[in-house]
């Protein structure tokens, strides 16, 4: 699954409204379980025209996705990332590490 305009879908993370933040967090949890979510996050991370704070937030979300879903434990609530998506992530992450701002690289490499 490919996400249309992933930058606009994550821009709600900067709104200082607790109700919207709670709603957005639930939405992210829904997206997290769908194939292609990691690639969509990397698209935001790699989007040079996206605001730096948005790129950094996408990098944090990506880091958490990889941490919990790359190889989930048997008792994990998360669905594992499919092998095809893992391959695509490996391909793109090198380019991102070479071109992203330092604050973003730190999150992706963690």
PDB file of N, CA and C in Angstrom:
ATOM      1  N   UNK A   1       0.833  -1.181   0.000  1.00  0.00           N
ATOM      2  CA  UNK A   1       0.000   0.000   0.000  1.00  0.00           C
ATOM      3  C   UNK A   1       0.879   1.245   0.000  1.00  0.00           C
ATOM      4  N   UNK A   2       0.584   2.185  -0.819  1.00  0.00           N
ATOM      5  CA  UNK A   2       1.310   3.456  -0.864  1.00  0.00           C
ATOM      6  C   UNK A   2       0.402   4.541  -0.312  1.00  0.00           C
ATOM      7  N   UNK A   3       0.976   5.426   0.433  1.00  0.00           N
ATOM      8  CA  UNK A   3       0.215   6.513   1.039  1.00  0.00           C
ATOM      9  C   UNK A   3       0.333   7.744   0.169  1.00  0.00           C
ATOM     10  N   UNK A   4      -0.786   8.361  -0.126  1.00  0.00           N
ATOM     11  CA  UNK A   4      -0.762   9.598  -0.889  1.00  0.00           C
ATOM     12  C   UNK A   4      -0.360  10.721   0.038  1.00  0.00           C
ATOM     13  N   UNK A   5       0.605  11.498  -0.391  1.00  0.00           N
ATOM     14  CA  UNK A   5       1.073  12.667   0.327  1.00  0.00           C
ATOM     15  C   UNK A   5       1.284  12.385   1.813  1.00  0.00           C
ATOM     16  N   UNK A   6       2.252  11.526   2.166  1.00  0.00           N
ATOM     17  CA  UNK A   6       2.461  11.184   3.569  1.00  0.00           C
ATOM     18  C   UNK A   6       2.856  12.385   4.419  1.00  0.00           C
ATOM     19  N   UNK A   7       3.414  13.431   3.811  1.00  0.00           N
ATOM     20  CA  UNK A   7       3.782  14.622   4.583  1.00  0.00           C
ATOM     21  C   UNK A   7       2.548  15.266   5.191  1.00  0.00           C
ATOM     22  N   UNK A   8       1.481  15.405   4.421  1.00  0.00           N
ATOM     23  CA  UNK A   8       0.271  16.027   4.955  1.00  0.00           C
ATOM     24  C   UNK A   8      -0.410  15.132   5.979  1.00  0.00           C
ATOM     25  N   UNK A   9      -0.252  13.839   5.858  1.00  0.00           N
ATOM     26  CA  UNK A   9      -0.888  12.922   6.805  1.00  0.00           C
ATOM     27  C   UNK A   9      -0.216  12.946   8.172  1.00  0.00           C
ATOM     28  N   UNK A  10       1.008  13.409   8.253  1.00  0.00           N
ATOM     29  CA  UNK A  10       1.703  13.448   9.544  1.00  0.00           C
ATOM     30  C   UNK A  10       1.831  14.855  10.105  1.00  0.00           C
ATOM     31  N   UNK A  11       1.375  15.866   9.375  1.00  0.00           N
ATOM     32  CA  UNK A  11       1.529  17.246   9.838  1.00  0.00           C
ATOM     33  C   UNK A  11       0.702  17.546  11.079  1.00  0.00           C
ATOM     34  N   UNK A  12      -0.292  16.717  11.382  1.00  0.00           N
ATOM     35  CA  UNK A  12      -1.100  16.938  12.574  1.00  0.00           C
ATOM     36  C   UNK A  12      -0.292  16.749  13.852  1.00  0.00           C
ATOM     37  N   UNK A  13       0.878  16.168  13.758  1.00  0.00           N
ATOM     38  CA  UNK A  13       1.694  15.931  14.940  1.00  0.00           C
ATOM     39  C   UNK A  13       2.198  17.208  15.584  1.00  0.00           C
ATOM     40  N   UNK A  14       2.139  18.327  14.873  1.00  0.00           N
ATOM     41  CA  UNK A  14       2.656  19.582  15.417  1.00  0.00           C
ATOM     42  C   UNK A  14       1.570  20.452  16.029  1.00  0.00           C
ATOM     43  N   UNK A  15       0.335  20.025  15.999  1.00  0.00           N
ATOM     44  CA  UNK A  15      -0.775  20.816  16.519  1.00  0.00           C
ATOM     45  C   UNK A  15      -0.831  20.643  18.038  1.00  0.00           C
ATOM     46  N   UNK A  16      -0.776  21.752  18.795  1.00  0.00           N
ATOM     47  CA  UNK A  16      -0.762  21.629  20.252  1.00  0.00           C
ATOM     48  C   UNK A  16      -2.156  21.453  20.856  1.00  0.00           C
ATOM     49  N   UNK A  17      -2.962  20.628  20.282  1.00  0.00           N
ATOM     50  CA  UNK A  17      -4.312  20.368  20.753  1.00  0.00           C
ATOM     51  C   UNK A  17      -4.354  18.910  21.203  1.00  0.00           C
ATOM     52  N   UNK A  18      -4.553  18.685  22.482  1.00  0.00           N
ATOM     53  CA  UNK A  18      -4.467  17.329  23.027  1.00  0.00           C
ATOM     54  C   UNK A  18      -5.478  16.369  22.410  1.00  0.00           C
ATOM     55  N   UNK A  19      -6.681  16.845  22.113  1.00  0.00           N
ATOM     56  CA  UNK A  19      -7.686  15.978  21.498  1.00  0.00           C
ATOM     57  C   UNK A  19      -7.232  15.534  20.113  1.00  0.00           C
ATOM     58  N   UNK A  20      -6.666  16.467  19.334  1.00  0.00           N
ATOM     59  CA  UNK A  20      -6.181  16.109  18.000  1.00  0.00           C
ATOM     60  C   UNK A  20      -4.969  15.189  18.082  1.00  0.00           C
ATOM     61  N   UNK A  21      -4.123  15.425  19.059  1.00  0.00           N
ATOM     62  CA  UNK A  21      -2.943  14.575  19.229  1.00  0.00           C
ATOM     63  C   UNK A  21      -3.373  13.148  19.563  1.00  0.00           C
ATOM     64  N   UNK A  22      -4.372  13.017  20.447  1.00  0.00           N
ATOM     65  CA  UNK A  22      -4.869  11.688  20.803  1.00  0.00           C
ATOM     66  C   UNK A  22      -5.474  10.991  19.583  1.00  0.00           C
ATOM     67  N   UNK A  23      -6.247  11.729  18.817  1.00  0.00           N
ATOM     68  CA  UNK A  23      -6.846  11.184  17.601  1.00  0.00           C
ATOM     69  C   UNK A  23      -5.751  10.781  16.608  1.00  0.00           C
ATOM     70  N   UNK A  24      -4.750  11.632  16.460  1.00  0.00           N
ATOM     71  CA  UNK A  24      -3.653  11.370  15.524  1.00  0.00           C
ATOM     72  C   UNK A  24      -2.856  10.147  15.944  1.00  0.00           C
ATOM     73  N   UNK A  25      -2.641   9.995  17.236  1.00  0.00           N
ATOM     74  CA  UNK A  25      -1.901   8.840  17.727  1.00  0.00           C
ATOM     75  C   UNK A  25      -2.640   7.549  17.389  1.00  0.00           C
ATOM     76  N   UNK A  26      -3.948   7.556  17.557  1.00  0.00           N
ATOM     77  CA  UNK A  26      -4.750   6.386  17.194  1.00  0.00           C
ATOM     78  C   UNK A  26      -4.676   6.094  15.710  1.00  0.00           C
ATOM     79  N   UNK A  27      -4.678   7.156  14.912  1.00  0.00           N
ATOM     80  CA  UNK A  27      -4.572   7.000  13.465  1.00  0.00           C
ATOM     81  C   UNK A  27      -3.223   6.392  13.087  1.00  0.00           C
ATOM     82  N   UNK A  28      -2.166   6.851  13.726  1.00  0.00           N
ATOM     83  CA  UNK A  28      -0.837   6.284  13.460  1.00  0.00           C
ATOM     84  C   UNK A  28      -0.795   4.802  13.825  1.00  0.00           C
ATOM     85  N   UNK A  29      -1.435   4.427  14.917  1.00  0.00           N
ATOM     86  CA  UNK A  29      -1.462   3.022  15.304  1.00  0.00           C
ATOM     87  C   UNK A  29      -2.167   2.176  14.245  1.00  0.00           C
ATOM     88  N   UNK A  30      -3.217   2.729  13.658  1.00  0.00           N
ATOM     89  CA  UNK A  30      -3.918   2.029  12.582  1.00  0.00           C
ATOM     90  C   UNK A  30      -3.005   1.873  11.366  1.00  0.00           C
ATOM     91  N   UNK A  31      -2.334   2.948  10.988  1.00  0.00           N
ATOM     92  CA  UNK A  31      -1.423   2.900   9.845  1.00  0.00           C
ATOM     93  C   UNK A  31      -0.272   1.937  10.093  1.00  0.00           C
ATOM     94  N   UNK A  32       0.203   1.893  11.327  1.00  0.00           N
ATOM     95  CA  UNK A  32       1.359   1.070  11.675  1.00  0.00           C
ATOM     96  C   UNK A  32       1.138  -0.389  11.305  1.00  0.00           C
ATOM     97  N   UNK A  33      -0.081  -0.847  11.344  1.00  0.00           N
ATOM     98  CA  UNK A  33      -0.386  -2.248  11.069  1.00  0.00           C
ATOM     99  C   UNK A  33      -0.547  -2.540   9.577  1.00  0.00           C
ATOM    100  N   UNK A  34      -0.471  -1.514   8.744  1.00  0.00           N
ATOM    101  CA  UNK A  34      -0.700  -1.707   7.310  1.00  0.00           C
ATOM    102  C   UNK A  34       0.622  -1.829   6.552  1.00  0.00           C
ATOM    103  N   UNK A  35       0.644  -2.687   5.544  1.00  0.00           N
ATOM    104  CA  UNK A  35       1.851  -2.802   4.710  1.00  0.00           C
ATOM    105  C   UNK A  35       2.185  -1.459   4.056  1.00  0.00           C
ATOM    106  N   UNK A  36       3.449  -1.147   3.968  1.00  0.00           N
ATOM    107  CA  UNK A  36       3.894   0.077   3.314  1.00  0.00           C
ATOM    108  C   UNK A  36       4.088   1.256   4.247  1.00  0.00           C
ATOM    109  N   UNK A  37       3.743   1.100   5.514  1.00  0.00           N
ATOM    110  CA  UNK A  37       3.854   2.205   6.463  1.00  0.00           C
ATOM    111  C   UNK A  37       5.315   2.655   6.623  1.00  0.00           C
ATOM    112  N   UNK A  38       6.220   1.721   6.690  1.00  0.00           N
ATOM    113  CA  UNK A  38       7.644   2.069   6.834  1.00  0.00           C
ATOM    114  C   UNK A  38       8.148   2.857   5.639  1.00  0.00           C
ATOM    115  N   UNK A  39       7.726   2.474   4.456  1.00  0.00           N
ATOM    116  CA  UNK A  39       8.132   3.192   3.245  1.00  0.00           C
ATOM    117  C   UNK A  39       7.531   4.591   3.245  1.00  0.00           C
ATOM    118  N   UNK A  40       6.284   4.718   3.668  1.00  0.00           N
ATOM    119  CA  UNK A  40       5.648   6.038   3.737  1.00  0.00           C
ATOM    120  C   UNK A  40       6.399   6.948   4.708  1.00  0.00           C
ATOM    121  N   UNK A  41       6.809   6.402   5.836  1.00  0.00           N
ATOM    122  CA  UNK A  41       7.584   7.200   6.789  1.00  0.00           C
ATOM    123  C   UNK A  41       8.913   7.632   6.178  1.00  0.00           C
ATOM    124  N   UNK A  42       9.566   6.727   5.477  1.00  0.00           N
ATOM    125  CA  UNK A  42      10.836   7.080   4.842  1.00  0.00           C
ATOM    126  C   UNK A  42      10.643   8.149   3.769  1.00  0.00           C
ATOM    127  N   UNK A  43       9.503   8.142   3.103  1.00  0.00           N
ATOM    128  CA  UNK A  43       9.221   9.190   2.120  1.00  0.00           C
ATOM    129  C   UNK A  43       9.170  10.556   2.802  1.00  0.00           C
ATOM    130  N   UNK A  44       8.551  10.614   3.970  1.00  0.00           N
ATOM    131  CA  UNK A  44       8.499  11.877   4.714  1.00  0.00           C
ATOM    132  C   UNK A  44       9.898  12.259   5.175  1.00  0.00           C
ATOM    133  N   UNK A  45      10.641  11.303   5.708  1.00  0.00           N
ATOM    134  CA  UNK A  45      12.005  11.566   6.175  1.00  0.00           C
ATOM    135  C   UNK A  45      12.861  12.117   5.048  1.00  0.00           C
ATOM    136  N   UNK A  46      12.670  11.614   3.849  1.00  0.00           N
ATOM    137  CA  UNK A  46      13.494  11.984   2.706  1.00  0.00           C
ATOM    138  C   UNK A  46      12.972  13.214   1.955  1.00  0.00           C
ATOM    139  N   UNK A  47      11.824  13.732   2.320  1.00  0.00           N
ATOM    140  CA  UNK A  47      11.204  14.859   1.624  1.00  0.00           C
ATOM    141  C   UNK A  47      11.877  16.171   2.048  1.00  0.00           C
ATOM    142  N   UNK A  48      12.749  16.680   1.191  1.00  0.00           N
ATOM    143  CA  UNK A  48      13.517  17.890   1.513  1.00  0.00           C
ATOM    144  C   UNK A  48      12.630  19.106   1.740  1.00  0.00           C
ATOM    145  N   UNK A  49      11.452  19.149   1.135  1.00  0.00           N
ATOM    146  CA  UNK A  49      10.575  20.307   1.307  1.00  0.00           C
ATOM    147  C   UNK A  49       9.727  20.225   2.578  1.00  0.00           C
ATOM    148  N   UNK A  50       9.751  19.091   3.256  1.00  0.00           N
ATOM    149  CA  UNK A  50       8.991  18.949   4.505  1.00  0.00           C
ATOM    150  C   UNK A  50       9.697  19.710   5.618  1.00  0.00           C
ATOM    151  N   UNK A  51       8.935  20.268   6.549  1.00  0.00           N
ATOM    152  CA  UNK A  51       9.557  20.969   7.674  1.00  0.00           C
ATOM    153  C   UNK A  51      10.464  20.024   8.468  1.00  0.00           C
ATOM    154  N   UNK A  52      11.576  20.534   8.990  1.00  0.00           N
ATOM    155  CA  UNK A  52      12.529  19.679   9.714  1.00  0.00           C
ATOM    156  C   UNK A  52      11.902  18.917  10.879  1.00  0.00           C
ATOM    157  N   UNK A  53      11.008  19.557  11.632  1.00  0.00           N
ATOM    158  CA  UNK A  53      10.394  18.878  12.773  1.00  0.00           C
ATOM    159  C   UNK A  53       9.517  17.716  12.322  1.00  0.00           C
ATOM    160  N   UNK A  54       8.901  17.840  11.156  1.00  0.00           N
ATOM    161  CA  UNK A  54       8.072  16.767  10.626  1.00  0.00           C
ATOM    162  C   UNK A  54       8.945  15.599  10.165  1.00  0.00           C
ATOM    163  N   UNK A  55      10.047  15.921   9.531  1.00  0.00           N
ATOM    164  CA  UNK A  55      10.982  14.877   9.102  1.00  0.00           C
ATOM    165  C   UNK A  55      11.539  14.134  10.313  1.00  0.00           C
ATOM    166  N   UNK A  56      11.841  14.875  11.374  1.00  0.00           N
ATOM    167  CA  UNK A  56      12.379  14.253  12.575  1.00  0.00           C
ATOM    168  C   UNK A  56      11.321  13.359  13.239  1.00  0.00           C
ATOM    169  N   UNK A  57      10.081  13.821  13.291  1.00  0.00           N
ATOM    170  CA  UNK A  57       9.010  13.007  13.877  1.00  0.00           C
ATOM    171  C   UNK A  57       8.802  11.730  13.067  1.00  0.00           C
ATOM    172  N   UNK A  58       8.845  11.827  11.755  1.00  0.00           N
ATOM    173  CA  UNK A  58       8.711  10.635  10.909  1.00  0.00           C
ATOM    174  C   UNK A  58       9.869   9.674  11.163  1.00  0.00           C
ATOM    175  N   UNK A  59      11.066  10.225  11.390  1.00  0.00           N
ATOM    176  CA  UNK A  59      12.228   9.379  11.691  1.00  0.00           C
ATOM    177  C   UNK A  59      12.038   8.646  13.016  1.00  0.00           C
ATOM    178  N   UNK A  60      11.483   9.315  14.010  1.00  0.00           N
ATOM    179  CA  UNK A  60      11.217   8.670  15.303  1.00  0.00           C
ATOM    180  C   UNK A  60      10.184   7.558  15.123  1.00  0.00           C
ATOM    181  N   UNK A  61       9.113   7.844  14.375  1.00  0.00           N
ATOM    182  CA  UNK A  61       8.096   6.834  14.119  1.00  0.00           C
ATOM    183  C   UNK A  61       8.704   5.636  13.370  1.00  0.00           C
ATOM    184  N   UNK A  62       9.593   5.922  12.415  1.00  0.00           N
ATOM    185  CA  UNK A  62      10.251   4.857  11.665  1.00  0.00           C
ATOM    186  C   UNK A  62      11.114   4.006  12.591  1.00  0.00           C
ATOM    187  N   UNK A  63      11.886   4.668  13.437  1.00  0.00           N
ATOM    188  CA  UNK A  63      12.752   3.949  14.379  1.00  0.00           C
ATOM    189  C   UNK A  63      11.917   3.008  15.250  1.00  0.00           C
ATOM    190  N   UNK A  64      10.793   3.489  15.760  1.00  0.00           N
ATOM    191  CA  UNK A  64       9.930   2.658  16.598  1.00  0.00           C
ATOM    192  C   UNK A  64       9.298   1.516  15.803  1.00  0.00           C
ATOM    193  N   UNK A  65       8.933   1.786  14.569  1.00  0.00           N
ATOM    194  CA  UNK A  65       8.383   0.743  13.714  1.00  0.00           C
ATOM    195  C   UNK A  65       9.391  -0.394  13.550  1.00  0.00           C
ATOM    196  N   UNK A  66      10.613  -0.037  13.230  1.00  0.00           N
ATOM    197  CA  UNK A  66      11.652  -1.052  13.031  1.00  0.00           C
ATOM    198  C   UNK A  66      11.928  -1.790  14.340  1.00  0.00           C
ATOM    199  N   UNK A  67      11.993  -1.051  15.421  1.00  0.00           N
ATOM    200  CA  UNK A  67      12.296  -1.659  16.727  1.00  0.00           C
ATOM    201  C   UNK A  67      11.255  -2.724  17.101  1.00  0.00           C
ATOM    202  N   UNK A  68       9.989  -2.421  16.888  1.00  0.00           N
ATOM    203  CA  UNK A  68       8.939  -3.316  17.363  1.00  0.00           C
ATOM    204  C   UNK A  68       8.402  -4.279  16.305  1.00  0.00           C
ATOM    205  N   UNK A  69       8.602  -3.975  15.033  1.00  0.00           N
ATOM    206  CA  UNK A  69       7.958  -4.795  14.016  1.00  0.00           C
ATOM    207  C   UNK A  69       8.903  -5.468  13.034  1.00  0.00           C
ATOM    208  N   UNK A  70      10.190  -5.159  13.083  1.00  0.00           N
ATOM    209  CA  UNK A  70      11.110  -5.814  12.146  1.00  0.00           C
ATOM    210  C   UNK A  70      11.072  -7.321  12.375  1.00  0.00           C
ATOM    211  N   UNK A  71      11.252  -7.728  13.606  1.00  0.00           N
ATOM    212  CA  UNK A  71      11.147  -9.127  14.007  1.00  0.00           C
ATOM    213  C   UNK A  71      10.390  -9.167  15.327  1.00  0.00           C
ATOM    214  N   UNK A  72       9.055  -9.107  15.269  1.00  0.00           N
ATOM    215  CA  UNK A  72       8.297  -9.076  16.520  1.00  0.00           C
ATOM    216  C   UNK A  72       8.385 -10.409  17.258  1.00  0.00           C
ATOM    217  N   UNK A  73       8.339 -10.332  18.570  1.00  0.00           N
ATOM    218  CA  UNK A  73       8.346 -11.553  19.368  1.00  0.00           C
ATOM    219  C   UNK A  73       6.995 -12.254  19.228  1.00  0.00           C
ATOM    220  N   UNK A  74       6.953 -13.485  19.643  1.00  0.00           N
ATOM    221  CA  UNK A  74       5.723 -14.270  19.518  1.00  0.00           C
ATOM    222  C   UNK A  74       4.563 -13.660  20.299  1.00  0.00           C
ATOM    223  N   UNK A  75       4.861 -13.002  21.412  1.00  0.00           N
ATOM    224  CA  UNK A  75       3.798 -12.412  22.231  1.00  0.00           C
ATOM    225  C   UNK A  75       3.564 -10.933  21.921  1.00  0.00           C
ATOM    226  N   UNK A  76       4.137 -10.447  20.830  1.00  0.00           N
ATOM    227  CA  UNK A  76       3.987  -9.049  20.442  1.00  0.00           C
ATOM    228  C   UNK A  76       2.600  -8.787  19.874  1.00  0.00           C
ATOM    229  N   UNK A  77       2.104  -7.577  20.129  1.00  0.00           N
ATOM    230  CA  UNK A  77       0.816  -7.172  19.564  1.00  0.00           C
ATOM    231  C   UNK A  77       0.965  -6.670  18.126  1.00  0.00           C
ATOM    232  N   UNK A  78       2.208  -6.507  17.678  1.00  0.00           N
ATOM    233  CA  UNK A  78       2.453  -5.937  16.363  1.00  0.00           C
ATOM    234  C   UNK A  78       2.631  -7.009  15.299  1.00  0.00           C
ATOM    235  N   UNK A  79       2.219  -6.662  14.101  1.00  0.00           N
ATOM    236  CA  UNK A  79       2.409  -7.520  12.937  1.00  0.00           C
ATOM    237  C   UNK A  79       3.800  -7.239  12.383  1.00  0.00           C
ATOM    238  N   UNK A  80       4.502  -8.269  11.980  1.00  0.00           N
ATOM    239  CA  UNK A  80       5.838  -8.078  11.438  1.00  0.00           C
ATOM    240  C   UNK A  80       5.829  -7.402  10.071  1.00  0.00           C
ATOM    241  N   UNK A  81       6.924  -6.758   9.735  1.00  0.00           N
ATOM    242  CA  UNK A  81       7.086  -6.115   8.431  1.00  0.00           C
ATOM    243  C   UNK A  81       7.349  -7.206   7.400  1.00  0.00           C
ATOM    244  N   UNK A  82       6.670  -7.131   6.275  1.00  0.00           N
ATOM    245  CA  UNK A  82       6.826  -8.127   5.222  1.00  0.00           C
ATOM    246  C   UNK A  82       8.224  -8.058   4.613  1.00  0.00           C
ATOM    247  N   UNK A  83       8.710  -9.195   4.116  1.00  0.00           N
ATOM    248  CA  UNK A  83      10.069  -9.275   3.561  1.00  0.00           C
ATOM    249  C   UNK A  83      10.287  -8.313   2.395  1.00  0.00           C
ATOM    250  N   UNK A  84       9.290  -8.154   1.528  1.00  0.00           N
ATOM    251  CA  UNK A  84       9.424  -7.228   0.402  1.00  0.00           C
ATOM    252  C   UNK A  84       9.618  -5.794   0.868  1.00  0.00           C
ATOM    253  N   UNK A  85       8.873  -5.424   1.893  1.00  0.00           N
ATOM    254  CA  UNK A  85       9.016  -4.074   2.437  1.00  0.00           C
ATOM    255  C   UNK A  85      10.364  -3.918   3.140  1.00  0.00           C
ATOM    256  N   UNK A  86      10.822  -4.959   3.816  1.00  0.00           N
ATOM    257  CA  UNK A  86      12.140  -4.899   4.457  1.00  0.00           C
ATOM    258  C   UNK A  86      13.230  -4.634   3.416  1.00  0.00           C
ATOM    259  N   UNK A  87      13.126  -5.327   2.293  1.00  0.00           N
ATOM    260  CA  UNK A  87      14.102  -5.131   1.220  1.00  0.00           C
ATOM    261  C   UNK A  87      14.071  -3.682   0.720  1.00  0.00           C
ATOM    262  N   UNK A  88      12.874  -3.162   0.517  1.00  0.00           N
ATOM    263  CA  UNK A  88      12.728  -1.786   0.044  1.00  0.00           C
ATOM    264  C   UNK A  88      13.268  -0.790   1.077  1.00  0.00           C
ATOM    265  N   UNK A  89      13.021  -1.058   2.345  1.00  0.00           N
ATOM    266  CA  UNK A  89      13.541  -0.192   3.414  1.00  0.00           C
ATOM    267  C   UNK A  89      15.057  -0.194   3.391  1.00  0.00           C
ATOM    268  N   UNK A  90      15.652  -1.377   3.300  1.00  0.00           N
ATOM    269  CA  UNK A  90      17.128  -1.466   3.267  1.00  0.00           C
ATOM    270  C   UNK A  90      17.696  -0.654   2.110  1.00  0.00           C
ATOM    271  N   UNK A  91      17.024  -0.711   0.977  1.00  0.00           N
ATOM    272  CA  UNK A  91      17.478   0.017  -0.205  1.00  0.00           C
ATOM    273  C   UNK A  91      17.447   1.524   0.020  1.00  0.00           C
ATOM    274  N   UNK A  92      16.374   2.029   0.610  1.00  0.00           N
ATOM    275  CA  UNK A  92      16.201   3.473   0.765  1.00  0.00           C
ATOM    276  C   UNK A  92      16.933   4.063   1.964  1.00  0.00           C
ATOM    277  N   UNK A  93      17.150   3.280   2.989  1.00  0.00           N
ATOM    278  CA  UNK A  93      17.712   3.833   4.214  1.00  0.00           C
ATOM    279  C   UNK A  93      19.150   4.324   4.006  1.00  0.00           C
ATOM    280  N   UNK A  94      19.891   3.688   3.139  1.00  0.00           N
ATOM    281  CA  UNK A  94      21.271   4.123   2.867  1.00  0.00           C
ATOM    282  C   UNK A  94      21.269   5.519   2.239  1.00  0.00           C
ATOM    283  N   UNK A  95      20.417   5.726   1.259  1.00  0.00           N
ATOM    284  CA  UNK A  95      20.311   7.040   0.619  1.00  0.00           C
ATOM    285  C   UNK A  95      19.910   8.102   1.634  1.00  0.00           C
ATOM    286  N   UNK A  96      18.963   7.776   2.482  1.00  0.00           N
ATOM    287  CA  UNK A  96      18.493   8.728   3.486  1.00  0.00           C
ATOM    288  C   UNK A  96      19.607   9.067   4.465  1.00  0.00           C
ATOM    289  N   UNK A  97      20.372   8.090   4.853  1.00  0.00           N
ATOM    290  CA  UNK A  97      21.476   8.341   5.796  1.00  0.00           C
ATOM    291  C   UNK A  97      22.522   9.270   5.183  1.00  0.00           C
ATOM    292  N   UNK A  98      22.627   9.275   3.886  1.00  0.00           N
ATOM    293  CA  UNK A  98      23.612  10.136   3.230  1.00  0.00           C
ATOM    294  C   UNK A  98      23.095  11.547   2.994  1.00  0.00           C
ATOM    295  N   UNK A  99      21.766  11.718   2.917  1.00  0.00           N
ATOM    296  CA  UNK A  99      21.242  13.021   2.520  1.00  0.00           C
ATOM    297  C   UNK A  99      20.417  13.741   3.587  1.00  0.00           C
ATOM    298  N   UNK A 100      19.966  13.058   4.593  1.00  0.00           N
ATOM    299  CA  UNK A 100      19.079  13.672   5.590  1.00  0.00           C
ATOM    300  C   UNK A 100      19.863  14.559   6.560  1.00  0.00           C
ATOM    301  N   UNK A 101      19.182  15.533   7.161  1.00  0.00           N
ATOM    302  CA  UNK A 101      19.826  16.359   8.188  1.00  0.00           C
ATOM    303  C   UNK A 101      20.266  15.504   9.382  1.00  0.00           C
ATOM    304  N   UNK A 102      21.219  16.008  10.131  1.00  0.00           N
ATOM    305  CA  UNK A 102      21.800  15.239  11.236  1.00  0.00           C
ATOM    306  C   UNK A 102      20.759  14.767  12.244  1.00  0.00           C
ATOM    307  N   UNK A 103      19.826  15.627  12.635  1.00  0.00           N
ATOM    308  CA  UNK A 103      18.816  15.237  13.625  1.00  0.00           C
ATOM    309  C   UNK A 103      17.964  14.077  13.123  1.00  0.00           C
ATOM    310  N   UNK A 104      17.735  14.041  11.848  1.00  0.00           N
ATOM    311  CA  UNK A 104      16.968  12.950  11.257  1.00  0.00           C
ATOM    312  C   UNK A 104      17.819  11.690  11.189  1.00  0.00           C
ATOM    313  N   UNK A 105      19.068  11.828  10.760  1.00  0.00           N
ATOM    314  CA  UNK A 105      19.978  10.664  10.665  1.00  0.00           C
ATOM    315  C   UNK A 105      20.137   9.991  12.019  1.00  0.00           C
ATOM    316  N   UNK A 106      20.250  10.774  13.074  1.00  0.00           N
ATOM    317  CA  UNK A 106      20.421  10.212  14.415  1.00  0.00           C
ATOM    318  C   UNK A 106      19.247   9.317  14.766  1.00  0.00           C
ATOM    319  N   UNK A 107      18.030   9.726  14.451  1.00  0.00           N
ATOM    320  CA  UNK A 107      16.858   8.916  14.763  1.00  0.00           C
ATOM    321  C   UNK A 107      16.795   7.663  13.902  1.00  0.00           C
ATOM    322  N   UNK A 108      17.075   7.793  12.631  1.00  0.00           N
ATOM    323  CA  UNK A 108      16.993   6.642  11.732  1.00  0.00           C
ATOM    324  C   UNK A 108      18.069   5.608  12.087  1.00  0.00           C
ATOM    325  N   UNK A 109      19.235   6.062  12.478  1.00  0.00           N
ATOM    326  CA  UNK A 109      20.332   5.124  12.751  1.00  0.00           C
ATOM    327  C   UNK A 109      20.270   4.500  14.127  1.00  0.00           C
ATOM    328  N   UNK A 110      19.423   5.000  14.995  1.00  0.00           N
ATOM    329  CA  UNK A 110      19.361   4.493  16.373  1.00  0.00           C
ATOM    330  C   UNK A 110      18.904   3.085  16.443  1.00  0.00           C
TER     331      UNK A 110
END
